[in-house]
C-alpha atoms as a PDB file:
ATOM      1  CA  UNK A   1     -42.185  -3.397  33.337  1.00  0.00           C
ATOM      2  CA  UNK A   2     -42.186  -4.343  29.837  1.00  0.00           C
ATOM      3  CA  UNK A   3     -42.094  -7.740  28.608  1.00  0.00           C
ATOM      4  CA  UNK A   4     -38.409  -7.581  27.208  1.00  0.00           C
ATOM      5  CA  UNK A   5     -37.280  -6.421  31.137  1.00  0.00           C
ATOM      6  CA  UNK A   6     -39.447  -9.093  32.547  1.00  0.00           C
ATOM      7  CA  UNK A   7     -38.054 -11.555  30.239  1.00  0.00           C
ATOM      8  CA  UNK A   8     -34.277 -10.778  31.110  1.00  0.00           C
ATOM      9  CA  UNK A   9     -35.060 -10.837  34.856  1.00  0.00           C
ATOM     10  CA  UNK A  10     -36.592 -14.106  34.782  1.00  0.00           C
ATOM     11  CA  UNK A  11     -33.682 -15.516  32.448  1.00  0.00           C
ATOM     12  CA  UNK A  12     -31.089 -14.115  34.939  1.00  0.00           C
ATOM     13  CA  UNK A  13     -32.746 -15.713  38.203  1.00  0.00           C
ATOM     14  CA  UNK A  14     -32.895 -18.808  36.173  1.00  0.00           C
ATOM     15  CA  UNK A  15     -29.379 -18.718  35.151  1.00  0.00           C
ATOM     16  CA  UNK A  16     -28.236 -17.691  38.766  1.00  0.00           C
ATOM     17  CA  UNK A  17     -30.304 -20.523  40.358  1.00  0.00           C
ATOM     18  CA  UNK A  18     -28.787 -23.009  37.762  1.00  0.00           C
ATOM     19  CA  UNK A  19     -25.211 -21.985  38.480  1.00  0.00           C
ATOM     20  CA  UNK A  20     -25.814 -22.623  42.070  1.00  0.00           C
ATOM     21  CA  UNK A  21     -27.336 -26.026  41.887  1.00  0.00           C
ATOM     22  CA  UNK A  22     -24.689 -28.705  42.929  1.00  0.00           C
ATOM     23  CA  UNK A  23     -26.960 -31.510  43.486  1.00  0.00           C
ATOM     24  CA  UNK A  24     -25.536 -32.538  46.721  1.00  0.00           C
ATOM     25  CA  UNK A  25     -26.111 -36.092  48.223  1.00  0.00           C
ATOM     26  CA  UNK A  26     -27.752 -36.994  50.915  1.00  0.00           C
ATOM     27  CA  UNK A  27     -24.542 -36.275  52.756  1.00  0.00           C
ATOM     28  CA  UNK A  28     -24.611 -32.740  51.562  1.00  0.00           C
ATOM     29  CA  UNK A  29     -21.661 -33.441  49.306  1.00  0.00           C
ATOM     30  CA  UNK A  30     -21.772 -31.949  45.732  1.00  0.00           C
ATOM     31  CA  UNK A  31     -19.084 -34.586  44.435  1.00  0.00           C
ATOM     32  CA  UNK A  32     -21.745 -37.489  45.711  1.00  0.00           C
ATOM     33  CA  UNK A  33     -18.392 -39.344  47.255  1.00  0.00           C
ATOM     34  CA  UNK A  34     -19.145 -38.813  50.775  1.00  0.00           C
ATOM     35  CA  UNK A  35     -16.091 -36.706  51.269  1.00  0.00           C
ATOM     36  CA  UNK A  36     -13.788 -39.243  50.472  1.00  0.00           C
ATOM     37  CA  UNK A  37     -12.680 -38.799  46.750  1.00  0.00           C
ATOM     38  CA  UNK A  38      -9.745 -37.171  45.796  1.00  0.00           C
ATOM     39  CA  UNK A  39      -7.549 -37.576  48.663  1.00  0.00           C
ATOM     40  CA  UNK A  40      -3.806 -38.634  47.505  1.00  0.00           C
ATOM     41  CA  UNK A  41      -5.078 -38.247  44.071  1.00  0.00           C
ATOM     42  CA  UNK A  42      -6.598 -42.161  44.331  1.00  0.00           C
ATOM     43  CA  UNK A  43     -10.299 -41.944  43.869  1.00  0.00           C
ATOM     44  CA  UNK A  44     -10.518 -45.762  43.599  1.00  0.00           C
ATOM     45  CA  UNK A  45      -9.976 -46.569  47.215  1.00  0.00           C
ATOM     46  CA  UNK A  46     -12.347 -44.161  48.597  1.00  0.00           C
ATOM     47  CA  UNK A  47     -15.211 -44.792  46.485  1.00  0.00           C
ATOM     48  CA  UNK A  48     -14.579 -48.436  47.230  1.00  0.00           C
ATOM     49  CA  UNK A  49     -14.925 -48.195  50.715  1.00  0.00           C
ATOM     50  CA  UNK A  50     -18.207 -46.028  50.512  1.00  0.00           C
ATOM     51  CA  UNK A  51     -19.918 -48.167  48.100  1.00  0.00           C
ATOM     52  CA  UNK A  52     -18.351 -51.728  48.861  1.00  0.00           C
ATOM     53  CA  UNK A  53     -17.816 -51.733  52.815  1.00  0.00           C
ATOM     54  CA  UNK A  54     -20.291 -48.750  53.719  1.00  0.00           C
ATOM     55  CA  UNK A  55     -18.915 -45.498  55.514  1.00  0.00           C
ATOM     56  CA  UNK A  56     -21.569 -45.358  58.430  1.00  0.00           C
ATOM     57  CA  UNK A  57     -23.414 -47.321  61.078  1.00  0.00           C
ATOM     58  CA  UNK A  58     -26.532 -46.694  62.626  1.00  0.00           C
ATOM     59  CA  UNK A  59     -27.913 -46.512  66.051  1.00  0.00           C
ATOM     60  CA  UNK A  60     -31.106 -46.924  68.026  1.00  0.00           C
ATOM     61  CA  UNK A  61     -32.494 -44.067  69.774  1.00  0.00           C
ATOM     62  CA  UNK A  62     -30.420 -42.636  72.854  1.00  0.00           C
ATOM     63  CA  UNK A  63     -28.012 -45.413  72.412  1.00  0.00           C
ATOM     64  CA  UNK A  64     -24.313 -46.340  71.456  1.00  0.00           C
ATOM     65  CA  UNK A  65     -24.664 -49.836  71.396  1.00  0.00           C
ATOM     66  CA  UNK A  66     -23.621 -51.536  68.147  1.00  0.00           C
ATOM     67  CA  UNK A  67     -26.312 -53.241  66.370  1.00  0.00           C
ATOM     68  CA  UNK A  68     -25.409 -56.749  64.415  1.00  0.00           C
ATOM     69  CA  UNK A  69     -25.633 -54.861  61.304  1.00  0.00           C
ATOM     70  CA  UNK A  70     -23.413 -51.904  62.498  1.00  0.00           C
ATOM     71  CA  UNK A  71     -21.138 -54.708  63.442  1.00  0.00           C
ATOM     72  CA  UNK A  72     -20.977 -56.308  60.071  1.00  0.00           C
ATOM     73  CA  UNK A  73     -20.603 -52.908  58.220  1.00  0.00           C
ATOM     74  CA  UNK A  74     -17.471 -52.553  60.694  1.00  0.00           C
ATOM     75  CA  UNK A  75     -16.146 -55.657  60.081  1.00  0.00           C
ATOM     76  CA  UNK A  76     -16.154 -54.938  56.415  1.00  0.00           C
ATOM     77  CA  UNK A  77     -14.591 -51.426  57.148  1.00  0.00           C
ATOM     78  CA  UNK A  78     -11.826 -53.359  59.314  1.00  0.00           C
ATOM     79  CA  UNK A  79     -10.912 -55.523  56.304  1.00  0.00           C
ATOM     80  CA  UNK A  80     -10.834 -52.502  54.179  1.00  0.00           C
ATOM     81  CA  UNK A  81      -8.644 -50.699  56.600  1.00  0.00           C
ATOM     82  CA  UNK A  82      -6.065 -53.633  56.697  1.00  0.00           C
ATOM     83  CA  UNK A  83      -5.912 -53.535  52.804  1.00  0.00           C
ATOM     84  CA  UNK A  84      -5.144 -49.779  52.862  1.00  0.00           C
ATOM     85  CA  UNK A  85      -2.636 -49.352  55.714  1.00  0.00           C
ATOM     86  CA  UNK A  86      -1.427 -46.036  54.420  1.00  0.00           C
ATOM     87  CA  UNK A  87      -4.797 -44.438  55.450  1.00  0.00           C
ATOM     88  CA  UNK A  88      -6.544 -43.548  58.805  1.00  0.00           C
ATOM     89  CA  UNK A  89     -10.196 -42.618  59.643  1.00  0.00           C
ATOM     90  CA  UNK A  90     -11.875 -40.171  61.710  1.00  0.00           C
ATOM     91  CA  UNK A  91     -15.180 -41.510  63.111  1.00  0.00           C
ATOM     92  CA  UNK A  92     -18.053 -38.759  63.418  1.00  0.00           C
ATOM     93  CA  UNK A  93     -20.317 -39.345  65.838  1.00  0.00           C
ATOM     94  CA  UNK A  94     -23.867 -38.243  64.964  1.00  0.00           C
ATOM     95  CA  UNK A  95     -27.518 -37.588  66.706  1.00  0.00           C
ATOM     96  CA  UNK A  96     -30.660 -36.780  65.599  1.00  0.00           C
ATOM     97  CA  UNK A  97     -32.306 -33.224  66.589  1.00  0.00           C
ATOM     98  CA  UNK A  98     -34.029 -34.348  69.678  1.00  0.00           C
ATOM     99  CA  UNK A  99     -32.187 -33.598  72.972  1.00  0.00           C
ATOM    100  CA  UNK A 100     -30.121 -30.889  74.035  1.00  0.00           C
ATOM    101  CA  UNK A 101     -26.663 -29.961  72.181  1.00  0.00           C
ATOM    102  CA  UNK A 102     -24.812 -30.934  75.103  1.00  0.00           C
ATOM    103  CA  UNK A 103     -26.475 -34.357  75.528  1.00  0.00           C
ATOM    104  CA  UNK A 104     -26.057 -35.119  71.842  1.00  0.00           C
ATOM    105  CA  UNK A 105     -22.315 -33.944  71.606  1.00  0.00           C
ATOM    106  CA  UNK A 106     -21.756 -36.517  74.574  1.00  0.00           C
ATOM    107  CA  UNK A 107     -23.914 -39.203  72.769  1.00  0.00           C
ATOM    108  CA  UNK A 108     -22.498 -38.765  69.349  1.00  0.00           C
ATOM    109  CA  UNK A 109     -18.719 -39.087  71.105  1.00  0.00           C
ATOM    110  CA  UNK A 110     -20.227 -42.467  72.711  1.00  0.00           C
ATOM    111  CA  UNK A 111     -21.185 -43.791  69.251  1.00  0.00           C
ATOM    112  CA  UNK A 112     -18.057 -42.622  67.613  1.00  0.00           C
ATOM    113  CA  UNK A 113     -16.086 -44.159  70.527  1.00  0.00           C
ATOM    114  CA  UNK A 114     -18.040 -47.227  70.305  1.00  0.00           C
ATOM    115  CA  UNK A 115     -17.303 -47.705  66.501  1.00  0.00           C
ATOM    116  CA  UNK A 116     -13.473 -46.991  67.347  1.00  0.00           C
ATOM    117  CA  UNK A 117     -13.606 -49.883  70.071  1.00  0.00           C
ATOM    118  CA  UNK A 118     -14.846 -52.351  67.802  1.00  0.00           C
ATOM    119  CA  UNK A 119     -12.341 -51.835  65.236  1.00  0.00           C
ATOM    120  CA  UNK A 120      -9.240 -51.587  67.135  1.00  0.00           C
ATOM    121  CA  UNK A 121     -10.892 -54.906  68.697  1.00  0.00           C
ATOM    122  CA  UNK A 122     -10.666 -56.167  65.182  1.00  0.00           C
ATOM    123  CA  UNK A 123      -6.721 -55.250  64.943  1.00  0.00           C
ATOM    124  CA  UNK A 124      -6.856 -51.820  63.545  1.00  0.00           C
ATOM    125  CA  UNK A 125      -4.243 -49.739  65.681  1.00  0.00           C
ATOM    126  CA  UNK A 126      -5.825 -47.256  67.640  1.00  0.00           C
ATOM    127  CA  UNK A 127      -3.327 -44.486  66.445  1.00  0.00           C
ATOM    128  CA  UNK A 128      -5.048 -44.806  63.185  1.00  0.00           C
ATOM    129  CA  UNK A 129      -8.653 -43.809  64.191  1.00  0.00           C
ATOM    130  CA  UNK A 130      -9.591 -40.624  65.677  1.00  0.00           C
ATOM    131  CA  UNK A 131     -12.920 -39.480  66.616  1.00  0.00           C
ATOM    132  CA  UNK A 132     -14.978 -36.396  66.505  1.00  0.00           C
ATOM    133  CA  UNK A 133     -18.963 -35.744  67.927  1.00  0.00           C
ATOM    134  CA  UNK A 134     -20.995 -33.099  65.907  1.00  0.00           C
ATOM    135  CA  UNK A 135     -23.925 -34.170  68.012  1.00  0.00           C
ATOM    136  CA  UNK A 136     -27.196 -33.032  66.133  1.00  0.00           C
ATOM    137  CA  UNK A 137     -25.393 -30.188  64.270  1.00  0.00           C
ATOM    138  CA  UNK A 138     -24.984 -31.939  60.881  1.00  0.00           C
ATOM    139  CA  UNK A 139     -27.853 -34.073  59.892  1.00  0.00           C
ATOM    140  CA  UNK A 140     -27.866 -36.547  56.940  1.00  0.00           C
ATOM    141  CA  UNK A 141     -31.467 -35.822  56.449  1.00  0.00           C
ATOM    142  CA  UNK A 142     -33.532 -33.028  57.319  1.00  0.00           C
ATOM    143  CA  UNK A 143     -37.119 -33.842  58.908  1.00  0.00           C
ATOM    144  CA  UNK A 144     -38.798 -34.376  62.043  1.00  0.00           C
ATOM    145  CA  UNK A 145     -39.860 -37.552  61.784  1.00  0.00           C
ATOM    146  CA  UNK A 146     -38.505 -41.112  62.497  1.00  0.00           C
ATOM    147  CA  UNK A 147     -37.313 -41.644  58.933  1.00  0.00           C
ATOM    148  CA  UNK A 148     -35.075 -38.651  58.981  1.00  0.00           C
ATOM    149  CA  UNK A 149     -33.748 -39.312  62.834  1.00  0.00           C
ATOM    150  CA  UNK A 150     -33.185 -42.995  62.129  1.00  0.00           C
ATOM    151  CA  UNK A 151     -30.679 -41.873  59.343  1.00  0.00           C
ATOM    152  CA  UNK A 152     -29.132 -38.894  61.597  1.00  0.00           C
ATOM    153  CA  UNK A 153     -28.317 -41.401  64.504  1.00  0.00           C
ATOM    154  CA  UNK A 154     -25.165 -42.548  63.048  1.00  0.00           C
ATOM    155  CA  UNK A 155     -21.285 -42.774  63.153  1.00  0.00           C
ATOM    156  CA  UNK A 156     -19.336 -42.206  59.791  1.00  0.00           C
ATOM    157  CA  UNK A 157     -16.096 -43.225  59.033  1.00  0.00           C
ATOM    158  CA  UNK A 158     -14.033 -40.727  56.866  1.00  0.00           C
ATOM    159  CA  UNK A 159     -10.573 -41.738  55.277  1.00  0.00           C
ATOM    160  CA  UNK A 160      -7.696 -39.393  55.907  1.00  0.00           C
ATOM    161  CA  UNK A 161      -4.065 -39.498  55.232  1.00  0.00           C
ATOM    162  CA  UNK A 162      -1.660 -41.064  57.793  1.00  0.00           C
END
């Protein structure tokens, strides 16, 4: 191959790679908004929830018990939800990569349910909260160490239209 053809090949590869780079955040969301911006055309509410009150709570290994820190986050989410009564949320339960798929789906469901029950106890109507478990299928952080695992043991609240 001559130098001109090699240069064109390299430039083409660089162009293609740069066109594919969306710079996703830790949640895999290219917008950097945790998936909440753009609903109802009202970006402010969703960004406020993510950046001010937090959209996730973390869990200890093999546990669906809410920590004191998780309860603080859910207290803030409840206050936010009371201010935005036109919105509902889906709480996604997640696990780290350890354990079987079936076990992690069940644990993720227990985590999402624990967060839902806490919010309902704070006065958020159950009808505004749905749950889903992704088990270990959607890690927030890729890795096989405690640093990654601790971020993947979570329940994430995602705002939806009612």
